[in-house]
Protein backbone atom coordinates (compact mmCIF):
# COMPACT_ATOMS: atom_id res chain seq x y z
CA UNK A 1 133.00 8.30 51.65
CA UNK A 2 130.24 8.56 49.07
CA UNK A 3 130.40 4.82 48.26
CA UNK A 4 129.63 3.54 51.79
CA UNK A 5 126.56 5.81 52.00
CA UNK A 6 125.13 4.49 48.74
CA UNK A 7 125.90 0.89 49.83
CA UNK A 8 124.09 1.57 53.08
CA UNK A 9 121.12 3.03 51.16
CA UNK A 10 121.08 0.03 48.81
CA UNK A 11 120.96 -2.35 51.80
CA UNK A 12 118.07 -0.39 53.35
CA UNK A 13 116.15 -0.54 50.09
CA UNK A 14 116.83 -4.27 49.81
CA UNK A 15 115.56 -4.85 53.36
CA UNK A 16 112.42 -2.78 52.66
CA UNK A 17 111.72 -4.74 49.46
CA UNK A 18 112.23 -8.05 51.29
CA UNK A 19 109.87 -6.97 54.09
CA UNK A 20 107.22 -5.94 51.56
CA UNK A 21 107.59 -9.30 49.78
CA UNK A 22 107.08 -11.19 53.04
CA UNK A 23 103.97 -9.10 53.83
CA UNK A 24 102.50 -9.84 50.40
CA UNK A 25 103.25 -13.55 50.77
CA UNK A 26 101.64 -13.70 54.21
CA UNK A 27 98.54 -11.85 53.05
CA UNK A 28 98.22 -14.47 50.33
CA UNK A 29 98.09 -17.17 53.00
CA UNK A 30 94.88 -15.68 54.37
CA UNK A 31 93.40 -15.50 50.90
CA UNK A 32 94.22 -19.16 50.35
CA UNK A 33 92.36 -20.19 53.49
CA UNK A 34 89.35 -18.17 52.40
CA UNK A 35 89.60 -19.53 48.89
CA UNK A 36 89.46 -23.07 50.28
CA UNK A 37 86.06 -22.23 51.76
CA UNK A 38 84.55 -20.55 48.70
CA UNK A 39 82.32 -22.62 46.49
CA UNK A 40 79.13 -24.64 46.66
CA UNK A 41 78.45 -26.93 49.60
CA UNK A 42 75.54 -29.38 49.42
CA UNK A 43 73.50 -29.90 46.26
CA UNK A 44 71.51 -26.77 45.34
CA UNK A 45 69.72 -28.74 42.61
CA UNK A 46 68.25 -31.28 45.03
CA UNK A 47 64.77 -30.45 46.30
CA UNK A 48 64.23 -29.95 50.02
CA UNK A 49 67.92 -30.32 50.94
CA UNK A 50 70.26 -27.70 52.42
CA UNK A 51 73.08 -26.05 50.49
CA UNK A 52 75.35 -23.02 50.82
CA UNK A 53 77.46 -21.04 48.42
CA UNK A 54 80.33 -19.07 49.94
CA UNK A 55 81.33 -16.27 47.59
CA UNK A 56 84.79 -14.69 47.32
CA UNK A 57 83.35 -11.31 48.40
CA UNK A 58 82.59 -12.96 51.79
CA UNK A 59 78.85 -13.10 51.19
CA UNK A 60 76.92 -16.36 51.31
CA UNK A 61 73.64 -17.57 49.91
CA UNK A 62 71.80 -20.83 50.07
CA UNK A 63 68.78 -22.70 51.32
CA UNK A 64 67.89 -24.72 54.39
CA UNK A 65 65.81 -26.97 52.14
CA UNK A 66 62.82 -24.64 52.34
CA UNK A 67 63.87 -21.04 52.98
CA UNK A 68 66.44 -18.90 51.19
CA UNK A 69 69.40 -17.87 53.36
CA UNK A 70 71.79 -14.93 53.00
CA UNK A 71 74.59 -13.67 55.20
CA UNK A 72 78.31 -12.98 55.34
CA UNK A 73 81.24 -15.14 56.38
CA UNK A 74 84.84 -14.73 57.51
CA UNK A 75 87.77 -16.97 58.33
CA UNK A 76 88.89 -17.06 61.95
CA UNK A 77 91.88 -19.37 62.10
CA UNK A 78 90.69 -22.68 60.66
CA UNK A 79 87.05 -21.84 61.41
CA UNK A 80 84.47 -20.16 59.20
CA UNK A 81 82.23 -17.78 61.14
CA UNK A 82 78.88 -16.79 59.71
CA UNK A 83 77.16 -13.48 60.26
CA UNK A 84 73.49 -13.63 61.32
CA UNK A 85 71.59 -15.66 58.72
CA UNK A 86 68.66 -13.80 57.17
CA UNK A 87 65.95 -16.13 55.96
CA UNK A 88 62.62 -16.18 54.19
CA UNK A 89 59.85 -17.50 56.43
CA UNK A 90 58.10 -20.18 54.39
CA UNK A 91 56.55 -23.16 56.13
CA UNK A 92 57.58 -26.45 54.53
CA UNK A 93 56.28 -29.63 56.08
CA UNK A 94 58.76 -32.43 56.51
CA UNK A 95 61.88 -30.29 55.96
CA UNK A 96 64.51 -30.17 58.69
CA UNK A 97 65.72 -26.56 58.59
CA UNK A 98 68.83 -27.15 60.74
CA UNK A 99 71.07 -25.06 58.48
CA UNK A 100 69.31 -21.86 59.57
CA UNK A 101 70.86 -22.18 63.05
CA UNK A 102 74.46 -22.50 61.83
CA UNK A 103 76.93 -19.95 63.22
CA UNK A 104 80.24 -21.55 62.25
CA UNK A 105 81.86 -24.32 60.24
CA UNK A 106 85.08 -26.18 59.70
CA UNK A 107 86.31 -27.91 56.56
CA UNK A 108 88.01 -31.28 56.41
CA UNK A 109 88.75 -32.28 52.83
CA UNK A 110 85.47 -32.01 50.94
CA UNK A 111 83.24 -31.98 54.05
CA UNK A 112 81.99 -28.85 55.79
CA UNK A 113 80.87 -29.49 59.37
CA UNK A 114 78.45 -26.86 60.66
CA UNK A 115 77.90 -25.94 64.29
CA UNK A 116 75.36 -23.88 66.21
CA UNK A 117 75.98 -21.05 68.66
CA UNK A 118 76.80 -23.53 71.43
CA UNK A 119 79.41 -25.25 69.26
CA UNK A 120 77.25 -28.37 68.79
CA UNK A 121 77.56 -30.15 65.44
CA UNK A 122 74.28 -29.71 63.57
CA UNK A 123 75.12 -31.17 60.17
CA UNK A 124 77.52 -31.56 57.27
CA UNK A 125 77.58 -30.48 53.63
CA UNK A 126 79.75 -31.94 50.87
CA UNK A 127 81.66 -29.68 48.47
CA UNK A 128 80.29 -29.74 44.94
CA UNK A 129 82.82 -30.12 42.16
CA UNK A 130 83.62 -26.93 40.30
CA UNK A 131 82.62 -26.89 36.69
CA UNK A 132 85.44 -26.34 34.23
CA UNK A 133 84.95 -23.89 31.37
CA UNK A 134 83.87 -25.47 28.08
């Protein structure tokens, strides 16, 4: 009867390994969604224009075209939710600082659409190409 017990144990181990593999694969799905959001949105080199950089550590930095912005972000389904945006308080004439009121975003291809607390679309930013190592 020793053989059936070890066969039973082997099956239990196999099931446990399979379950762990599925859990690892599913956790990777969440990372992929977050990875799709990371990067530079808008052109940070252009004067007086908004841009954001979403970092892999779930922090963000950027500018509304005048003021520096910092916060955090997280994925919630297919939506990106921003933590409260902290901002410098410079006065810049002629700059529309709409990005400072963003609370969420969605991504469609290379376009990030940003919304305010009421869910109203307030603007879009285009993904910047990633630079390849030289």
